[in-house]
């Protein structure tokens, strides 16, 4: 889900073990598609679906819609039938947080999801995350999803364990949701401190090169042995914004023997195309 279009080896290994594989994704496809039982991706070659900007959560929502239709036709739906509109708070959150273009289709998702959240008809976890950030759920906008809820959910995966964020979204009780939301808020504060320190180090590194913006190379690759791999994507984005240069930030991996990089590019230059030239066969 959400990156399987490039998991050629992983899908092959699963199929060899007799596991059926369905890929749902929205990323651009490489030269070779995974040999899955089914691929649902509006950006795979030959797909006629008009909304090419769907986020991974939007693609999954359509899969569930099609599954419900199929089960209804087979007479297999339970009574009462599931109301997929109850998922639109999650669809709106995922669409905004994934920073996909808000085309007509995505605007509908976001508008409908925001309407449910404002009415309090949202996951306890989403309402709790807004509360710990001091936001009134009845007055939120898409900006709150992108800059309040999203970063707190992502902070868990960047610094510790993404399961905390998942548990918050799945929490059924208000008390449990609030406990997890407070934990995520703490992670986010720690993430912001780490990011600030890393950005300062990166800026000092650029300054030590004695180059002004005009004298910078066409692309930047930065590394520090003390950087946290969970924040290098944010760091690359910040340096890219400051310098208007495609940027890759590297940090040590968990094993301490390898390094892990995260890249951010500028409009008009897809970083996958750059890597494909530098490293033929690479997939992004």
C-alpha atoms as a PDB file:
ATOM      1  CA  UNK A   1       0.000   0.000   0.000  1.00  0.00           C
ATOM      2  CA  UNK A   2       1.167   3.482  -1.032  1.00  0.00           C
ATOM      3  CA  UNK A   3       4.569   2.473  -2.388  1.00  0.00           C
ATOM      4  CA  UNK A   4       4.066  -1.009  -3.774  1.00  0.00           C
ATOM      5  CA  UNK A   5       4.368   0.160  -7.374  1.00  0.00           C
ATOM      6  CA  UNK A   6       8.161   0.020  -6.914  1.00  0.00           C
ATOM      7  CA  UNK A   7       8.250  -3.143  -4.760  1.00  0.00           C
ATOM      8  CA  UNK A   8       9.110  -5.472  -7.621  1.00  0.00           C
ATOM      9  CA  UNK A   9      11.363  -7.780  -5.592  1.00  0.00           C
ATOM     10  CA  UNK A  10       9.083  -7.767  -2.554  1.00  0.00           C
ATOM     11  CA  UNK A  11       6.002  -8.699  -4.566  1.00  0.00           C
ATOM     12  CA  UNK A  12       7.954 -11.422  -6.361  1.00  0.00           C
ATOM     13  CA  UNK A  13       9.083 -12.902  -3.047  1.00  0.00           C
ATOM     14  CA  UNK A  14       5.516 -12.840  -1.697  1.00  0.00           C
ATOM     15  CA  UNK A  15       4.134 -14.517  -4.817  1.00  0.00           C
ATOM     16  CA  UNK A  16       6.791 -17.230  -4.624  1.00  0.00           C
ATOM     17  CA  UNK A  17       5.541 -17.957  -1.100  1.00  0.00           C
ATOM     18  CA  UNK A  18       1.996 -18.323  -2.387  1.00  0.00           C
ATOM     19  CA  UNK A  19       0.800 -14.973  -1.006  1.00  0.00           C
ATOM     20  CA  UNK A  20      -1.728 -13.049  -3.051  1.00  0.00           C
ATOM     21  CA  UNK A  21      -0.742  -9.414  -3.474  1.00  0.00           C
ATOM     22  CA  UNK A  22      -2.895  -6.375  -4.242  1.00  0.00           C
ATOM     23  CA  UNK A  23      -0.998  -3.115  -4.706  1.00  0.00           C
ATOM     24  CA  UNK A  24      -2.741   0.212  -4.090  1.00  0.00           C
ATOM     25  CA  UNK A  25      -0.564   3.207  -4.871  1.00  0.00           C
ATOM     26  CA  UNK A  26      -0.469   6.650  -6.430  1.00  0.00           C
ATOM     27  CA  UNK A  27       3.254   7.095  -7.144  1.00  0.00           C
ATOM     28  CA  UNK A  28       4.695   7.108 -10.650  1.00  0.00           C
ATOM     29  CA  UNK A  29       5.512   3.666 -11.985  1.00  0.00           C
ATOM     30  CA  UNK A  30       8.992   2.604 -13.003  1.00  0.00           C
ATOM     31  CA  UNK A  31       9.929   0.724 -16.154  1.00  0.00           C
ATOM     32  CA  UNK A  32       8.915  -2.593 -14.554  1.00  0.00           C
ATOM     33  CA  UNK A  33       5.649  -3.153 -12.719  1.00  0.00           C
ATOM     34  CA  UNK A  34       5.415  -5.623  -9.819  1.00  0.00           C
ATOM     35  CA  UNK A  35       3.835  -8.967 -10.694  1.00  0.00           C
ATOM     36  CA  UNK A  36       0.924  -8.482  -8.304  1.00  0.00           C
ATOM     37  CA  UNK A  37      -2.488 -10.132  -8.557  1.00  0.00           C
ATOM     38  CA  UNK A  38      -3.922  -6.652  -8.972  1.00  0.00           C
ATOM     39  CA  UNK A  39      -2.570  -3.101  -9.130  1.00  0.00           C
ATOM     40  CA  UNK A  40      -4.783  -0.112  -8.383  1.00  0.00           C
ATOM     41  CA  UNK A  41      -2.856   3.040  -9.277  1.00  0.00           C
ATOM     42  CA  UNK A  42      -4.174   5.957 -11.345  1.00  0.00           C
ATOM     43  CA  UNK A  43      -0.592   6.711 -12.419  1.00  0.00           C
ATOM     44  CA  UNK A  44       0.255   3.302 -13.828  1.00  0.00           C
ATOM     45  CA  UNK A  45       0.574   3.112 -17.627  1.00  0.00           C
ATOM     46  CA  UNK A  46      -2.758   2.814 -19.410  1.00  0.00           C
ATOM     47  CA  UNK A  47      -4.982   3.704 -16.439  1.00  0.00           C
ATOM     48  CA  UNK A  48      -7.892   5.854 -17.679  1.00  0.00           C
ATOM     49  CA  UNK A  49      -8.863   7.188 -14.238  1.00  0.00           C
ATOM     50  CA  UNK A  50      -9.034  10.964 -14.575  1.00  0.00           C
ATOM     51  CA  UNK A  51      -7.896  12.034 -11.098  1.00  0.00           C
ATOM     52  CA  UNK A  52      -4.160  11.429 -11.310  1.00  0.00           C
ATOM     53  CA  UNK A  53      -3.541  13.427  -8.132  1.00  0.00           C
ATOM     54  CA  UNK A  54      -5.301  11.031  -5.760  1.00  0.00           C
ATOM     55  CA  UNK A  55      -3.382  10.389  -2.550  1.00  0.00           C
ATOM     56  CA  UNK A  56      -2.808   6.859  -1.307  1.00  0.00           C
ATOM     57  CA  UNK A  57      -5.736   7.200   1.089  1.00  0.00           C
ATOM     58  CA  UNK A  58      -7.977   8.310  -1.773  1.00  0.00           C
ATOM     59  CA  UNK A  59      -7.002   5.296  -3.868  1.00  0.00           C
ATOM     60  CA  UNK A  60      -7.816   3.016  -0.937  1.00  0.00           C
ATOM     61  CA  UNK A  61     -11.169   4.724  -0.463  1.00  0.00           C
ATOM     62  CA  UNK A  62     -12.070   3.915  -4.066  1.00  0.00           C
ATOM     63  CA  UNK A  63     -10.980   0.297  -3.556  1.00  0.00           C
ATOM     64  CA  UNK A  64     -13.299   0.019  -0.553  1.00  0.00           C
ATOM     65  CA  UNK A  65     -16.114   1.626  -2.553  1.00  0.00           C
ATOM     66  CA  UNK A  66     -15.666  -0.919  -5.341  1.00  0.00           C
ATOM     67  CA  UNK A  67     -15.473  -3.766  -2.810  1.00  0.00           C
ATOM     68  CA  UNK A  68     -18.718  -2.646  -1.168  1.00  0.00           C
ATOM     69  CA  UNK A  69     -20.422  -2.512  -4.584  1.00  0.00           C
ATOM     70  CA  UNK A  70     -19.188  -6.021  -5.402  1.00  0.00           C
ATOM     71  CA  UNK A  71     -20.334  -7.445  -2.053  1.00  0.00           C
ATOM     72  CA  UNK A  72     -23.711  -5.754  -2.441  1.00  0.00           C
ATOM     73  CA  UNK A  73     -24.163  -7.341  -5.861  1.00  0.00           C
ATOM     74  CA  UNK A  74     -23.278 -10.723  -4.356  1.00  0.00           C
ATOM     75  CA  UNK A  75     -25.729 -10.243  -1.486  1.00  0.00           C
ATOM     76  CA  UNK A  76     -22.898 -10.478   1.042  1.00  0.00           C
ATOM     77  CA  UNK A  77     -23.131  -7.074   2.727  1.00  0.00           C
ATOM     78  CA  UNK A  78     -24.182  -7.078   6.390  1.00  0.00           C
ATOM     79  CA  UNK A  79     -27.266  -5.186   7.512  1.00  0.00           C
ATOM     80  CA  UNK A  80     -26.995  -2.268   8.103  1.00  0.00           C
ATOM     81  CA  UNK A  81     -24.650  -1.734   5.189  1.00  0.00           C
ATOM     82  CA  UNK A  82     -21.374   0.051   5.977  1.00  0.00           C
ATOM     83  CA  UNK A  83     -21.442   3.803   5.430  1.00  0.00           C
ATOM     84  CA  UNK A  84     -18.101   4.693   3.859  1.00  0.00           C
ATOM     85  CA  UNK A  85     -18.859   8.350   4.452  1.00  0.00           C
ATOM     86  CA  UNK A  86     -17.730   7.677   8.019  1.00  0.00           C
ATOM     87  CA  UNK A  87     -14.181   7.352   6.656  1.00  0.00           C
ATOM     88  CA  UNK A  88     -14.047  10.784   5.045  1.00  0.00           C
ATOM     89  CA  UNK A  89     -12.337  12.422   8.034  1.00  0.00           C
ATOM     90  CA  UNK A  90      -9.410  10.063   7.449  1.00  0.00           C
ATOM     91  CA  UNK A  91      -9.520  10.568   3.678  1.00  0.00           C
ATOM     92  CA  UNK A  92      -9.407  14.342   4.108  1.00  0.00           C
ATOM     93  CA  UNK A  93      -6.544  14.127   6.594  1.00  0.00           C
ATOM     94  CA  UNK A  94      -4.488  11.802   4.391  1.00  0.00           C
ATOM     95  CA  UNK A  95      -5.113  13.870   1.270  1.00  0.00           C
ATOM     96  CA  UNK A  96      -3.969  17.116   2.874  1.00  0.00           C
ATOM     97  CA  UNK A  97      -1.073  15.614   4.846  1.00  0.00           C
ATOM     98  CA  UNK A  98       0.295  13.890   1.735  1.00  0.00           C
ATOM     99  CA  UNK A  99       0.535  17.310   0.050  1.00  0.00           C
ATOM    100  CA  UNK A 100      -1.014  16.147  -3.210  1.00  0.00           C
ATOM    101  CA  UNK A 101      -2.448  18.789  -5.581  1.00  0.00           C
ATOM    102  CA  UNK A 102      -5.996  19.688  -4.576  1.00  0.00           C
ATOM    103  CA  UNK A 103      -7.701  19.084  -7.906  1.00  0.00           C
ATOM    104  CA  UNK A 104     -11.490  18.962  -8.171  1.00  0.00           C
ATOM    105  CA  UNK A 105     -11.712  15.390  -6.903  1.00  0.00           C
ATOM    106  CA  UNK A 106      -9.406  15.924  -3.940  1.00  0.00           C
ATOM    107  CA  UNK A 107     -11.185  19.145  -2.987  1.00  0.00           C
ATOM    108  CA  UNK A 108     -14.408  17.172  -2.673  1.00  0.00           C
ATOM    109  CA  UNK A 109     -12.702  14.659  -0.377  1.00  0.00           C
ATOM    110  CA  UNK A 110     -11.237  17.412   1.798  1.00  0.00           C
ATOM    111  CA  UNK A 111     -14.419  19.495   1.935  1.00  0.00           C
ATOM    112  CA  UNK A 112     -16.580  16.534   2.922  1.00  0.00           C
ATOM    113  CA  UNK A 113     -14.067  15.352   5.518  1.00  0.00           C
ATOM    114  CA  UNK A 114     -13.720  18.806   7.053  1.00  0.00           C
ATOM    115  CA  UNK A 115     -17.492  19.083   7.272  1.00  0.00           C
ATOM    116  CA  UNK A 116     -17.652  15.895   9.333  1.00  0.00           C
ATOM    117  CA  UNK A 117     -14.793  16.972  11.617  1.00  0.00           C
ATOM    118  CA  UNK A 118     -16.388  20.377  12.261  1.00  0.00           C
ATOM    119  CA  UNK A 119     -19.570  18.601  13.279  1.00  0.00           C
ATOM    120  CA  UNK A 120     -17.615  16.416  15.697  1.00  0.00           C
ATOM    121  CA  UNK A 121     -18.270  13.321  13.551  1.00  0.00           C
ATOM    122  CA  UNK A 122     -14.628  12.297  13.400  1.00  0.00           C
ATOM    123  CA  UNK A 123     -12.291   9.781  14.935  1.00  0.00           C
ATOM    124  CA  UNK A 124     -11.663  10.498  18.633  1.00  0.00           C
ATOM    125  CA  UNK A 125      -7.956  10.540  17.746  1.00  0.00           C
ATOM    126  CA  UNK A 126      -8.321  13.372  15.234  1.00  0.00           C
ATOM    127  CA  UNK A 127     -10.410  15.397  17.668  1.00  0.00           C
ATOM    128  CA  UNK A 128      -7.880  14.741  20.450  1.00  0.00           C
ATOM    129  CA  UNK A 129      -4.931  15.848  18.298  1.00  0.00           C
ATOM    130  CA  UNK A 130      -6.722  19.091  17.502  1.00  0.00           C
ATOM    131  CA  UNK A 131      -7.476  19.570  21.205  1.00  0.00           C
ATOM    132  CA  UNK A 132      -3.875  19.116  22.392  1.00  0.00           C
ATOM    133  CA  UNK A 133      -2.846  21.698  19.798  1.00  0.00           C
ATOM    134  CA  UNK A 134      -5.423  24.167  21.099  1.00  0.00           C
ATOM    135  CA  UNK A 135      -7.609  24.058  17.992  1.00  0.00           C
ATOM    136  CA  UNK A 136     -11.408  24.183  18.051  1.00  0.00           C
ATOM    137  CA  UNK A 137     -12.557  21.330  15.794  1.00  0.00           C
ATOM    138  CA  UNK A 138     -15.708  23.233  14.843  1.00  0.00           C
ATOM    139  CA  UNK A 139     -13.640  25.955  13.166  1.00  0.00           C
ATOM    140  CA  UNK A 140     -10.752  24.091  11.560  1.00  0.00           C
ATOM    141  CA  UNK A 141      -9.543  24.411   7.965  1.00  0.00           C
ATOM    142  CA  UNK A 142      -7.419  22.223   5.737  1.00  0.00           C
ATOM    143  CA  UNK A 143      -4.373  24.091   7.089  1.00  0.00           C
ATOM    144  CA  UNK A 144      -5.003  22.541  10.499  1.00  0.00           C
ATOM    145  CA  UNK A 145      -4.943  19.068   8.986  1.00  0.00           C
ATOM    146  CA  UNK A 146      -1.640  19.778   7.240  1.00  0.00           C
ATOM    147  CA  UNK A 147       0.186  21.707   9.955  1.00  0.00           C
ATOM    148  CA  UNK A 148      -1.403  20.504  13.209  1.00  0.00           C
ATOM    149  CA  UNK A 149      -2.703  16.932  12.921  1.00  0.00           C
ATOM    150  CA  UNK A 150      -0.381  15.594  10.209  1.00  0.00           C
ATOM    151  CA  UNK A 151       2.955  16.571  11.816  1.00  0.00           C
ATOM    152  CA  UNK A 152       1.934  15.102  15.173  1.00  0.00           C
ATOM    153  CA  UNK A 153       1.029  11.783  13.576  1.00  0.00           C
ATOM    154  CA  UNK A 154       4.222  11.742  11.504  1.00  0.00           C
ATOM    155  CA  UNK A 155       6.408  12.612  14.487  1.00  0.00           C
ATOM    156  CA  UNK A 156       5.827   9.161  15.998  1.00  0.00           C
ATOM    157  CA  UNK A 157       7.174   7.390  12.935  1.00  0.00           C
ATOM    158  CA  UNK A 158      10.072   9.801  12.576  1.00  0.00           C
ATOM    159  CA  UNK A 159      11.320   9.487  16.134  1.00  0.00           C
ATOM    160  CA  UNK A 160       9.970   6.285  17.624  1.00  0.00           C
ATOM    161  CA  UNK A 161       7.197   3.961  16.461  1.00  0.00           C
ATOM    162  CA  UNK A 162       4.485   4.818  13.954  1.00  0.00           C
ATOM    163  CA  UNK A 163       2.139   2.391  15.719  1.00  0.00           C
ATOM    164  CA  UNK A 164       1.476   5.134  18.284  1.00  0.00           C
ATOM    165  CA  UNK A 165      -0.041   7.305  15.560  1.00  0.00           C
ATOM    166  CA  UNK A 166      -2.028   4.408  14.161  1.00  0.00           C
ATOM    167  CA  UNK A 167      -3.333   3.539  17.624  1.00  0.00           C
ATOM    168  CA  UNK A 168      -4.421   7.147  18.097  1.00  0.00           C
ATOM    169  CA  UNK A 169      -6.443   7.110  14.869  1.00  0.00           C
ATOM    170  CA  UNK A 170      -7.976   3.732  15.768  1.00  0.00           C
ATOM    171  CA  UNK A 171      -8.799   4.632  19.383  1.00  0.00           C
ATOM    172  CA  UNK A 172     -12.478   4.175  20.209  1.00  0.00           C
ATOM    173  CA  UNK A 173     -12.568   6.039  23.513  1.00  0.00           C
ATOM    174  CA  UNK A 174     -11.955   9.726  24.114  1.00  0.00           C
ATOM    175  CA  UNK A 175      -9.673   9.029  27.112  1.00  0.00           C
ATOM    176  CA  UNK A 176      -7.424   6.657  25.153  1.00  0.00           C
ATOM    177  CA  UNK A 177      -7.310   9.042  22.197  1.00  0.00           C
ATOM    178  CA  UNK A 178      -6.307  11.941  24.441  1.00  0.00           C
ATOM    179  CA  UNK A 179      -3.546   9.901  26.106  1.00  0.00           C
ATOM    180  CA  UNK A 180      -2.067   8.959  22.752  1.00  0.00           C
ATOM    181  CA  UNK A 181      -2.514  12.482  21.374  1.00  0.00           C
ATOM    182  CA  UNK A 182      -0.500  13.894  24.287  1.00  0.00           C
ATOM    183  CA  UNK A 183       2.244  11.351  23.584  1.00  0.00           C
ATOM    184  CA  UNK A 184       2.274  12.343  19.915  1.00  0.00           C
ATOM    185  CA  UNK A 185       2.395  16.019  20.861  1.00  0.00           C
ATOM    186  CA  UNK A 186       5.505  15.327  22.943  1.00  0.00           C
ATOM    187  CA  UNK A 187       7.112  13.521  20.003  1.00  0.00           C
ATOM    188  CA  UNK A 188       6.315  16.470  17.766  1.00  0.00           C
ATOM    189  CA  UNK A 189       7.941  18.956  20.132  1.00  0.00           C
ATOM    190  CA  UNK A 190      11.060  16.781  20.231  1.00  0.00           C
ATOM    191  CA  UNK A 191      11.005  16.475  16.435  1.00  0.00           C
ATOM    192  CA  UNK A 192      10.874  20.262  16.036  1.00  0.00           C
ATOM    193  CA  UNK A 193      13.878  20.701  18.328  1.00  0.00           C
ATOM    194  CA  UNK A 194      15.904  18.113  16.428  1.00  0.00           C
ATOM    195  CA  UNK A 195      14.892  19.633  13.101  1.00  0.00           C
ATOM    196  CA  UNK A 196      15.917  23.114  14.244  1.00  0.00           C
ATOM    197  CA  UNK A 197      19.357  21.884  15.368  1.00  0.00           C
ATOM    198  CA  UNK A 198      19.889  19.941  12.119  1.00  0.00           C
ATOM    199  CA  UNK A 199      18.883  22.913   9.995  1.00  0.00           C
ATOM    200  CA  UNK A 200      21.368  25.102  11.861  1.00  0.00           C
ATOM    201  CA  UNK A 201      24.124  22.556  11.240  1.00  0.00           C
ATOM    202  CA  UNK A 202      23.243  22.355   7.548  1.00  0.00           C
ATOM    203  CA  UNK A 203      23.211  26.138   7.206  1.00  0.00           C
ATOM    204  CA  UNK A 204      26.579  26.340   8.943  1.00  0.00           C
ATOM    205  CA  UNK A 205      27.878  23.748   6.504  1.00  0.00           C
ATOM    206  CA  UNK A 206      26.671  25.786   3.533  1.00  0.00           C
ATOM    207  CA  UNK A 207      28.170  28.940   5.011  1.00  0.00           C
ATOM    208  CA  UNK A 208      31.534  27.208   5.434  1.00  0.00           C
ATOM    209  CA  UNK A 209      31.596  26.594   1.677  1.00  0.00           C
ATOM    210  CA  UNK A 210      31.868  30.389   1.179  1.00  0.00           C
ATOM    211  CA  UNK A 211      29.279  30.308  -1.583  1.00  0.00           C
ATOM    212  CA  UNK A 212      26.398  32.646  -2.102  1.00  0.00           C
ATOM    213  CA  UNK A 213      23.160  31.429  -3.649  1.00  0.00           C
ATOM    214  CA  UNK A 214      24.406  32.149  -7.152  1.00  0.00           C
ATOM    215  CA  UNK A 215      27.576  30.186  -6.486  1.00  0.00           C
ATOM    216  CA  UNK A 216      25.893  27.049  -5.159  1.00  0.00           C
ATOM    217  CA  UNK A 217      26.098  23.862  -7.244  1.00  0.00           C
ATOM    218  CA  UNK A 218      23.020  22.681  -9.130  1.00  0.00           C
ATOM    219  CA  UNK A 219      22.241  20.138  -6.410  1.00  0.00           C
ATOM    220  CA  UNK A 220      23.124  19.636  -2.748  1.00  0.00           C
ATOM    221  CA  UNK A 221      23.941  16.451  -0.831  1.00  0.00           C
ATOM    222  CA  UNK A 222      24.395  16.943   2.913  1.00  0.00           C
ATOM    223  CA  UNK A 223      25.389  14.503   5.657  1.00  0.00           C
ATOM    224  CA  UNK A 224      26.116  14.595   9.363  1.00  0.00           C
ATOM    225  CA  UNK A 225      26.816  11.553  11.488  1.00  0.00           C
ATOM    226  CA  UNK A 226      24.661  12.966  14.309  1.00  0.00           C
ATOM    227  CA  UNK A 227      21.559  13.643  12.224  1.00  0.00           C
ATOM    228  CA  UNK A 228      18.370  11.648  12.873  1.00  0.00           C
ATOM    229  CA  UNK A 229      17.131   9.665   9.896  1.00  0.00           C
ATOM    230  CA  UNK A 230      13.531  10.388  10.790  1.00  0.00           C
ATOM    231  CA  UNK A 231      13.929  14.122  10.171  1.00  0.00           C
ATOM    232  CA  UNK A 232      16.147  14.245   7.092  1.00  0.00           C
ATOM    233  CA  UNK A 233      13.144  14.569   4.770  1.00  0.00           C
ATOM    234  CA  UNK A 234      12.024  17.714   6.562  1.00  0.00           C
ATOM    235  CA  UNK A 235      15.611  18.984   6.596  1.00  0.00           C
ATOM    236  CA  UNK A 236      16.004  18.419   2.850  1.00  0.00           C
ATOM    237  CA  UNK A 237      12.767  20.311   2.253  1.00  0.00           C
ATOM    238  CA  UNK A 238      13.899  23.277   4.387  1.00  0.00           C
ATOM    239  CA  UNK A 239      17.283  23.546   2.640  1.00  0.00           C
ATOM    240  CA  UNK A 240      15.595  23.185  -0.753  1.00  0.00           C
ATOM    241  CA  UNK A 241      13.264  26.058   0.105  1.00  0.00           C
ATOM    242  CA  UNK A 242      16.162  28.237   1.229  1.00  0.00           C
ATOM    243  CA  UNK A 243      18.480  27.545  -1.709  1.00  0.00           C
ATOM    244  CA  UNK A 244      16.107  26.530  -4.540  1.00  0.00           C
ATOM    245  CA  UNK A 245      18.351  23.547  -5.210  1.00  0.00           C
ATOM    246  CA  UNK A 246      17.424  19.847  -5.353  1.00  0.00           C
ATOM    247  CA  UNK A 247      18.632  18.553  -1.993  1.00  0.00           C
ATOM    248  CA  UNK A 248      19.405  15.151  -0.527  1.00  0.00           C
ATOM    249  CA  UNK A 249      20.058  14.913   3.212  1.00  0.00           C
ATOM    250  CA  UNK A 250      21.717  11.799   4.608  1.00  0.00           C
ATOM    251  CA  UNK A 251      21.889  10.344   8.115  1.00  0.00           C
ATOM    252  CA  UNK A 252      23.161   7.066   9.582  1.00  0.00           C
ATOM    253  CA  UNK A 253      20.756   4.145   9.321  1.00  0.00           C
ATOM    254  CA  UNK A 254      19.641   2.083  12.303  1.00  0.00           C
ATOM    255  CA  UNK A 255      22.500  -0.368  11.916  1.00  0.00           C
ATOM    256  CA  UNK A 256      25.092   2.414  12.026  1.00  0.00           C
ATOM    257  CA  UNK A 257      26.882   0.958   9.004  1.00  0.00           C
ATOM    258  CA  UNK A 258      24.844   2.447   6.171  1.00  0.00           C
ATOM    259  CA  UNK A 259      23.411   5.877   5.480  1.00  0.00           C
ATOM    260  CA  UNK A 260      19.849   6.736   4.561  1.00  0.00           C
ATOM    261  CA  UNK A 261      18.940   9.653   2.327  1.00  0.00           C
ATOM    262  CA  UNK A 262      15.797  11.667   1.696  1.00  0.00           C
ATOM    263  CA  UNK A 263      15.505  13.908  -1.356  1.00  0.00           C
ATOM    264  CA  UNK A 264      13.432  16.973  -2.204  1.00  0.00           C
ATOM    265  CA  UNK A 265      13.461  18.584  -5.625  1.00  0.00           C
ATOM    266  CA  UNK A 266      12.288  21.828  -7.221  1.00  0.00           C
ATOM    267  CA  UNK A 267       9.345  22.364  -9.608  1.00  0.00           C
ATOM    268  CA  UNK A 268      10.047  21.057 -13.084  1.00  0.00           C
ATOM    269  CA  UNK A 269      12.672  18.518 -12.003  1.00  0.00           C
ATOM    270  CA  UNK A 270      11.521  15.112 -10.743  1.00  0.00           C
ATOM    271  CA  UNK A 271      14.125  13.683  -8.389  1.00  0.00           C
ATOM    272  CA  UNK A 272      13.360  10.176  -9.642  1.00  0.00           C
ATOM    273  CA  UNK A 273      14.489  11.169 -13.128  1.00  0.00           C
ATOM    274  CA  UNK A 274      17.740  12.590 -11.743  1.00  0.00           C
ATOM    275  CA  UNK A 275      18.459   9.392  -9.810  1.00  0.00           C
ATOM    276  CA  UNK A 276      17.607   7.280 -12.850  1.00  0.00           C
ATOM    277  CA  UNK A 277      20.356   9.082 -14.780  1.00  0.00           C
ATOM    278  CA  UNK A 278      22.888   8.876 -11.954  1.00  0.00           C
ATOM    279  CA  UNK A 279      21.969   5.326 -10.968  1.00  0.00           C
ATOM    280  CA  UNK A 280      20.367   3.431 -13.856  1.00  0.00           C
ATOM    281  CA  UNK A 281      17.762   0.985 -12.551  1.00  0.00           C
ATOM    282  CA  UNK A 282      16.981   3.026  -9.435  1.00  0.00           C
ATOM    283  CA  UNK A 283      13.323   3.371  -8.487  1.00  0.00           C
ATOM    284  CA  UNK A 284      11.706   6.093  -6.406  1.00  0.00           C
END
